[in-house]
Amino acid sequence: MTPPLGLLEFLERSGSVAKAYEIQSDTEQLSLALGCQEDDILTASLILHPEHPPRITVHPWKCKPELKQHERHANPMQVYLLTGYLAQWLPPFGLPHLLQTEIESSVLRSPCLYVPAGMEYGWIAITPEELVSLTDYAHWSRVFAA
């Protein structure tokens, strides 16, 4: 499976070894189809604050992320307008605009994680270390500024 061009370009430019897969499975059987635990399947949520830039939070797909004071979840239209992706398939990296990203620490204990690949049925298999690297705002803001 080939992820959307912006995401594919980011993965290539970063030297990522993450692999994208198309898994057509209903949500009840997804962990079985991926061969992983439920908590290894992650999602990215766009969080809005009235006085700060939007941020992405990465967390287990069946859990809601914690919100800080005055924050709220972006609605599906806001997610699409700000990222170019449908909310359900929002990847945590490779977005048109670099956003601060926070990863829930509990998800970093597994040897392999799955994150949305930006398109329906698309999943990226990734190590926790690479997920942290690909969402490193400080690093990528310097790389893309050059």
C-alpha atoms as a PDB file:
ATOM      1  CA  MET A   1       0.000   0.000   0.000  1.00  0.00           C
ATOM      2  CA  THR A   2       1.213   3.491  -0.808  1.00  0.00           C
ATOM      3  CA  PRO A   3       0.340   6.203   1.729  1.00  0.00           C
ATOM      4  CA  PRO A   4      -0.733   9.696   0.556  1.00  0.00           C
ATOM      5  CA  LEU A   5       2.046  11.626  -1.183  1.00  0.00           C
ATOM      6  CA  GLY A   6       2.796  14.091   1.639  1.00  0.00           C
ATOM      7  CA  LEU A   7       3.097  11.296   4.171  1.00  0.00           C
ATOM      8  CA  LEU A   8       5.129   9.150   1.772  1.00  0.00           C
ATOM      9  CA  GLU A   9       7.506  12.050   1.074  1.00  0.00           C
ATOM     10  CA  PHE A  10       7.984  12.646   4.804  1.00  0.00           C
ATOM     11  CA  LEU A  11       8.730   8.957   5.458  1.00  0.00           C
ATOM     12  CA  GLU A  12      11.236   8.870   2.596  1.00  0.00           C
ATOM     13  CA  ARG A  13      12.891  12.151   3.590  1.00  0.00           C
ATOM     14  CA  SER A  14      13.212  11.018   7.205  1.00  0.00           C
ATOM     15  CA  GLY A  15      14.771   7.693   6.206  1.00  0.00           C
ATOM     16  CA  SER A  16      11.976   5.821   7.960  1.00  0.00           C
ATOM     17  CA  VAL A  17      11.792   2.036   7.847  1.00  0.00           C
ATOM     18  CA  ALA A  18       8.109   2.070   8.863  1.00  0.00           C
ATOM     19  CA  LYS A  19       5.885  -0.035   6.611  1.00  0.00           C
ATOM     20  CA  ALA A  20       2.351   0.787   5.500  1.00  0.00           C
ATOM     21  CA  TYR A  21      -0.263  -1.941   5.199  1.00  0.00           C
ATOM     22  CA  GLU A  22      -3.836  -2.118   3.997  1.00  0.00           C
ATOM     23  CA  ILE A  23      -5.897  -4.044   6.539  1.00  0.00           C
ATOM     24  CA  GLN A  24      -9.570  -4.323   5.636  1.00  0.00           C
ATOM     25  CA  SER A  25     -11.037  -5.463   8.897  1.00  0.00           C
ATOM     26  CA  ASP A  26     -13.899  -4.319  11.075  1.00  0.00           C
ATOM     27  CA  THR A  27     -12.949  -2.618  14.328  1.00  0.00           C
ATOM     28  CA  GLU A  28     -13.810  -5.638  16.467  1.00  0.00           C
ATOM     29  CA  GLN A  29     -11.306  -7.806  14.583  1.00  0.00           C
ATOM     30  CA  LEU A  30      -8.596  -5.233  13.835  1.00  0.00           C
ATOM     31  CA  SER A  31      -6.137  -6.297  16.536  1.00  0.00           C
ATOM     32  CA  LEU A  32      -6.473  -9.911  15.369  1.00  0.00           C
ATOM     33  CA  ALA A  33      -5.910  -8.870  11.732  1.00  0.00           C
ATOM     34  CA  LEU A  34      -2.843  -6.821  12.704  1.00  0.00           C
ATOM     35  CA  GLY A  35      -1.574  -9.503  15.082  1.00  0.00           C
ATOM     36  CA  CYS A  36      -1.249  -7.160  18.034  1.00  0.00           C
ATOM     37  CA  GLN A  37      -2.846  -6.112  21.309  1.00  0.00           C
ATOM     38  CA  GLU A  38      -5.636  -3.504  21.316  1.00  0.00           C
ATOM     39  CA  ASP A  39      -3.350  -0.982  23.053  1.00  0.00           C
ATOM     40  CA  ASP A  40      -0.797  -1.271  20.218  1.00  0.00           C
ATOM     41  CA  ILE A  41      -3.258   0.322  17.805  1.00  0.00           C
ATOM     42  CA  LEU A  42      -2.954   4.076  18.101  1.00  0.00           C
ATOM     43  CA  THR A  43      -4.784   7.089  16.819  1.00  0.00           C
ATOM     44  CA  ALA A  44      -3.889  10.738  16.513  1.00  0.00           C
ATOM     45  CA  SER A  45      -6.245  13.446  17.751  1.00  0.00           C
ATOM     46  CA  LEU A  46      -6.114  17.121  16.917  1.00  0.00           C
ATOM     47  CA  ILE A  47      -6.489  19.256  20.035  1.00  0.00           C
ATOM     48  CA  LEU A  48      -7.403  22.944  19.935  1.00  0.00           C
ATOM     49  CA  HIS A  49      -6.811  25.698  22.479  1.00  0.00           C
ATOM     50  CA  PRO A  50      -8.028  29.295  22.075  1.00  0.00           C
ATOM     51  CA  GLU A  51      -4.604  30.803  22.879  1.00  0.00           C
ATOM     52  CA  HIS A  52      -2.138  28.191  21.592  1.00  0.00           C
ATOM     53  CA  PRO A  53      -1.404  26.504  18.263  1.00  0.00           C
ATOM     54  CA  PRO A  54      -3.175  23.195  17.575  1.00  0.00           C
ATOM     55  CA  ARG A  55      -1.400  20.062  18.766  1.00  0.00           C
ATOM     56  CA  ILE A  56      -1.585  16.359  18.016  1.00  0.00           C
ATOM     57  CA  THR A  57      -1.880  13.733  20.719  1.00  0.00           C
ATOM     58  CA  VAL A  58      -1.128  10.066  20.052  1.00  0.00           C
ATOM     59  CA  HIS A  59      -2.944   7.539  22.226  1.00  0.00           C
ATOM     60  CA  PRO A  60      -4.566   4.073  22.130  1.00  0.00           C
ATOM     61  CA  TRP A  61      -7.345   4.171  19.556  1.00  0.00           C
ATOM     62  CA  LYS A  62     -10.128   3.191  21.952  1.00  0.00           C
ATOM     63  CA  CYS A  63      -9.219   5.851  24.546  1.00  0.00           C
ATOM     64  CA  LYS A  64      -9.783   9.588  24.626  1.00  0.00           C
ATOM     65  CA  PRO A  65      -6.733  11.774  25.271  1.00  0.00           C
ATOM     66  CA  GLU A  66      -6.547  13.933  28.352  1.00  0.00           C
ATOM     67  CA  LEU A  67      -7.350  17.551  27.712  1.00  0.00           C
ATOM     68  CA  LYS A  68      -5.590  20.423  29.433  1.00  0.00           C
ATOM     69  CA  GLN A  69      -7.446  23.476  30.696  1.00  0.00           C
ATOM     70  CA  HIS A  70      -9.434  25.273  27.941  1.00  0.00           C
ATOM     71  CA  GLU A  71      -8.642  22.591  25.340  1.00  0.00           C
ATOM     72  CA  ARG A  72     -11.132  20.750  23.182  1.00  0.00           C
ATOM     73  CA  HIS A  73     -11.107  18.104  20.483  1.00  0.00           C
ATOM     74  CA  ALA A  74     -11.243  19.418  16.932  1.00  0.00           C
ATOM     75  CA  ASN A  75     -14.371  18.388  15.083  1.00  0.00           C
ATOM     76  CA  PRO A  76     -13.995  16.320  11.888  1.00  0.00           C
ATOM     77  CA  MET A  77     -14.278  19.362   9.611  1.00  0.00           C
ATOM     78  CA  GLN A  78     -11.595  21.241  11.580  1.00  0.00           C
ATOM     79  CA  VAL A  79      -9.298  18.201  11.399  1.00  0.00           C
ATOM     80  CA  TYR A  80      -9.735  18.022   7.645  1.00  0.00           C
ATOM     81  CA  LEU A  81      -9.269  21.756   7.082  1.00  0.00           C
ATOM     82  CA  LEU A  82      -6.156  21.981   9.300  1.00  0.00           C
ATOM     83  CA  THR A  83      -4.451  18.725   8.237  1.00  0.00           C
ATOM     84  CA  GLY A  84      -5.927  17.568   4.931  1.00  0.00           C
ATOM     85  CA  TYR A  85      -6.822  14.203   6.486  1.00  0.00           C
ATOM     86  CA  LEU A  86     -10.069  12.670   7.663  1.00  0.00           C
ATOM     87  CA  ALA A  87     -10.096  12.539  11.468  1.00  0.00           C
ATOM     88  CA  GLN A  88     -10.365   8.738  11.570  1.00  0.00           C
ATOM     89  CA  TRP A  89      -7.214   8.285   9.449  1.00  0.00           C
ATOM     90  CA  LEU A  90      -5.104  11.196  10.760  1.00  0.00           C
ATOM     91  CA  PRO A  91      -1.425  10.180  10.886  1.00  0.00           C
ATOM     92  CA  PRO A  92       0.698  11.617  13.723  1.00  0.00           C
ATOM     93  CA  PHE A  93       3.430  12.837  11.328  1.00  0.00           C
ATOM     94  CA  GLY A  94       3.885  13.895   7.705  1.00  0.00           C
ATOM     95  CA  LEU A  95       1.201  16.586   7.929  1.00  0.00           C
ATOM     96  CA  PRO A  96       1.227  19.676   5.680  1.00  0.00           C
ATOM     97  CA  HIS A  97       2.037  21.816   8.748  1.00  0.00           C
ATOM     98  CA  LEU A  98       4.370  20.766  11.521  1.00  0.00           C
ATOM     99  CA  LEU A  99       2.442  20.471  14.779  1.00  0.00           C
ATOM    100  CA  GLN A 100       3.593  19.871  18.327  1.00  0.00           C
ATOM    101  CA  THR A 101       2.889  16.187  19.060  1.00  0.00           C
ATOM    102  CA  GLU A 102       2.524  14.480  22.408  1.00  0.00           C
ATOM    103  CA  ILE A 103       2.607  10.697  22.760  1.00  0.00           C
ATOM    104  CA  GLU A 104       0.901   9.019  25.682  1.00  0.00           C
ATOM    105  CA  SER A 105       3.790   7.352  27.539  1.00  0.00           C
ATOM    106  CA  SER A 106       1.931   4.090  28.162  1.00  0.00           C
ATOM    107  CA  VAL A 107       1.970   3.240  24.439  1.00  0.00           C
ATOM    108  CA  LEU A 108       5.764   3.243  24.227  1.00  0.00           C
ATOM    109  CA  ARG A 109       6.137  -0.108  26.011  1.00  0.00           C
ATOM    110  CA  SER A 110       5.242  -2.301  23.047  1.00  0.00           C
ATOM    111  CA  PRO A 111       7.854  -3.411  20.466  1.00  0.00           C
ATOM    112  CA  CYS A 112       5.526  -2.600  17.535  1.00  0.00           C
ATOM    113  CA  LEU A 113       2.774  -0.037  17.180  1.00  0.00           C
ATOM    114  CA  TYR A 114       0.250   0.717  14.454  1.00  0.00           C
ATOM    115  CA  VAL A 115      -0.735   4.262  13.505  1.00  0.00           C
ATOM    116  CA  PRO A 116      -3.138   5.482  10.805  1.00  0.00           C
ATOM    117  CA  ALA A 117      -1.542   5.851   7.378  1.00  0.00           C
ATOM    118  CA  GLY A 118      -3.717   8.737   6.252  1.00  0.00           C
ATOM    119  CA  MET A 119      -6.203   6.692   4.242  1.00  0.00           C
ATOM    120  CA  GLU A 120      -9.008   4.223   4.780  1.00  0.00           C
ATOM    121  CA  TYR A 121      -7.758   0.807   5.949  1.00  0.00           C
ATOM    122  CA  GLY A 122      -4.176   2.108   5.977  1.00  0.00           C
ATOM    123  CA  TRP A 123      -1.947   1.310   8.959  1.00  0.00           C
ATOM    124  CA  ILE A 124       1.748   1.982   9.507  1.00  0.00           C
ATOM    125  CA  ALA A 125       3.740  -0.522  11.553  1.00  0.00           C
ATOM    126  CA  ILE A 126       6.312   1.414  13.552  1.00  0.00           C
ATOM    127  CA  THR A 127       8.579   1.001  16.554  1.00  0.00           C
ATOM    128  CA  PRO A 128       8.077   3.267  19.558  1.00  0.00           C
ATOM    129  CA  GLU A 129      11.539   4.755  19.010  1.00  0.00           C
ATOM    130  CA  GLU A 130      10.745   5.686  15.434  1.00  0.00           C
ATOM    131  CA  LEU A 131       7.363   7.121  16.430  1.00  0.00           C
ATOM    132  CA  VAL A 132       9.116   9.379  18.930  1.00  0.00           C
ATOM    133  CA  SER A 133      11.700  10.350  16.313  1.00  0.00           C
ATOM    134  CA  LEU A 134       9.154  11.111  13.577  1.00  0.00           C
ATOM    135  CA  THR A 135       7.077  13.293  15.915  1.00  0.00           C
ATOM    136  CA  ASP A 136      10.035  15.242  17.338  1.00  0.00           C
ATOM    137  CA  TYR A 137       8.851  18.814  16.777  1.00  0.00           C
ATOM    138  CA  ALA A 138      12.149  20.458  17.740  1.00  0.00           C
ATOM    139  CA  HIS A 139      14.126  18.307  15.292  1.00  0.00           C
ATOM    140  CA  TRP A 140      11.755  18.556  12.334  1.00  0.00           C
ATOM    141  CA  SER A 141      11.189  22.291  12.730  1.00  0.00           C
ATOM    142  CA  ARG A 142      14.963  22.747  12.274  1.00  0.00           C
ATOM    143  CA  VAL A 143      15.124  20.320   9.312  1.00  0.00           C
ATOM    144  CA  PHE A 144      12.222  21.914   7.448  1.00  0.00           C
ATOM    145  CA  ALA A 145      13.413  25.447   8.225  1.00  0.00           C
ATOM    146  CA  ALA A 146      16.652  24.765   6.354  1.00  0.00           C
END
